[in-house]
Protein backbone atom coordinates (compact mmCIF):
# COMPACT_ATOMS: atom_id res chain seq x y z
CA MET A 1 15.09 -8.69 83.30
CA ASN A 2 14.32 -12.35 82.80
CA ILE A 3 16.75 -14.22 80.54
CA GLU A 4 15.88 -17.64 79.15
CA PHE A 5 18.15 -20.03 77.26
CA LYS A 6 16.73 -22.76 75.09
CA GLN A 7 18.33 -26.16 75.78
CA ASP A 8 20.26 -26.30 72.49
CA VAL A 9 21.96 -22.97 73.35
CA LYS A 10 23.69 -24.49 76.37
CA GLU A 11 24.86 -27.47 74.32
CA TYR A 12 26.16 -25.17 71.57
CA LEU A 13 28.13 -23.02 74.03
CA ASN A 14 29.53 -26.10 75.80
CA GLN A 15 30.74 -27.50 72.46
CA LYS A 16 32.55 -24.23 71.75
CA ASN A 17 33.80 -23.99 75.37
CA ILE A 18 32.31 -20.51 75.75
CA GLN A 19 30.77 -19.14 78.94
CA ASP A 20 30.36 -15.45 78.02
CA ILE A 21 28.00 -13.95 75.45
CA TYR A 22 26.77 -10.42 74.85
CA ILE A 23 24.09 -8.64 72.93
CA GLY A 24 25.55 -6.08 70.58
CA MET A 25 23.62 -3.56 68.54
CA ASP A 26 24.59 -3.70 64.86
CA ASN A 27 23.59 -0.99 62.41
CA ARG A 28 21.44 -2.67 59.76
CA GLY A 29 19.86 0.47 58.35
CA GLY A 30 20.07 1.56 54.74
CA CYS A 31 20.43 4.83 52.94
CA CYS A 32 16.70 5.64 52.99
CA SER A 33 15.85 4.39 56.47
CA GLY A 34 18.85 5.81 58.27
CA PRO A 35 20.56 3.89 61.07
CA VAL A 36 18.54 1.07 62.62
CA PHE A 37 20.30 -0.82 65.40
CA VAL A 38 19.32 -4.49 65.63
CA PRO A 39 20.23 -6.78 68.56
CA VAL A 40 22.78 -9.47 67.69
CA VAL A 41 24.17 -12.16 70.01
CA LYS A 42 27.96 -12.31 69.96
CA LEU A 43 30.31 -14.79 71.61
CA GLY A 44 32.81 -13.73 74.25
CA ARG A 45 33.05 -10.59 76.37
CA PRO A 46 32.39 -7.10 74.99
CA ASP A 47 35.23 -4.61 74.61
CA ASP A 48 33.52 -1.79 76.53
CA ILE A 49 32.38 -3.83 79.51
CA ASP A 50 31.47 -0.75 81.57
CA ILE A 51 28.43 0.04 79.37
CA TYR A 52 26.91 -3.42 79.93
CA GLU A 53 24.84 -4.97 82.70
CA THR A 54 26.00 -8.44 83.71
CA PHE A 55 23.61 -11.33 84.25
CA VAL A 56 24.62 -14.88 85.17
CA LYS A 57 22.25 -17.74 84.46
CA ASP A 58 23.00 -21.45 84.21
CA GLU A 59 26.74 -20.71 84.49
CA ILE A 60 26.58 -18.49 81.40
CA THR A 61 27.44 -14.80 81.73
CA VAL A 62 25.31 -12.53 79.56
CA TYR A 63 26.25 -8.90 78.96
CA ILE A 64 23.34 -6.67 77.98
CA PRO A 65 23.70 -2.95 77.20
CA LYS A 66 22.48 -0.87 80.13
CA LYS A 67 20.20 1.02 77.77
CA MET A 68 18.27 -2.19 77.01
CA ASP A 69 17.72 -3.13 80.66
CA ASN A 70 14.30 -1.49 80.99
CA GLU A 71 10.59 -2.26 81.10
CA GLU A 72 10.42 -2.48 77.28
CA ASN A 73 12.51 -5.66 77.39
CA PRO A 74 11.26 -7.68 80.40
CA ASN A 75 11.82 -11.14 78.88
CA VAL A 76 14.78 -12.03 76.69
CA THR A 77 15.16 -15.44 75.05
CA ILE A 78 18.39 -16.69 73.46
CA LYS A 79 17.88 -19.36 70.79
CA LEU A 80 20.08 -21.38 68.46
CA ARG A 81 19.58 -20.81 64.74
CA ASN A 82 20.73 -23.49 62.30
CA ILE A 83 20.67 -22.59 58.62
CA LEU A 84 22.16 -25.25 56.33
CA GLY A 85 24.45 -26.40 59.13
CA HIS A 86 25.67 -22.90 60.02
CA LYS A 87 24.79 -22.35 63.67
CA SER A 88 24.49 -19.01 65.41
CA LEU A 89 22.68 -17.51 68.37
CA ILE A 90 19.72 -15.16 68.04
CA VAL A 91 17.82 -13.08 70.56
CA HIS A 92 14.07 -12.60 70.93
CA GLY A 93 12.37 -10.02 73.11
CA VAL A 94 14.72 -7.10 72.42
CA LEU A 95 13.62 -4.17 70.32
CA ALA A 96 15.51 -2.66 67.41
CA TYR A 97 16.32 1.03 67.88
CA LYS A 98 16.20 3.77 65.28
CA GLU A 99 18.69 6.37 66.41
CA LYS A 100 21.44 8.51 64.99
CA ASN A 101 24.09 6.49 66.78
CA TRP A 102 24.46 3.74 69.35
CA GLY A 103 27.59 5.10 70.94
CA LYS A 104 28.73 5.44 74.51
CA LYS A 105 26.98 8.80 74.81
CA LYS A 106 23.58 7.13 74.42
CA TYR A 107 23.90 4.76 77.40
């Protein structure tokens, strides 16, 4: 898996003094669509570290769920989003998953 950081991501993480990020899968589905798990970048280390693959690039440790480390997601890009001064990280190149659950049993 190839991970790319845009330049402003490194600056953002340095300002916050953070060296670990992970991609979590948040349920953003509704009542009619059922559960849809969307990739979200979160700061820090994940709680269940054993279900994540670890990648280190540019002195930043990225934790990606083992289930996402496959040929469907060969290139992952982390970008900085700035909406009205509220900054957050977003991920491109990772698919959303429509499943019944995104629990440990699925990894």
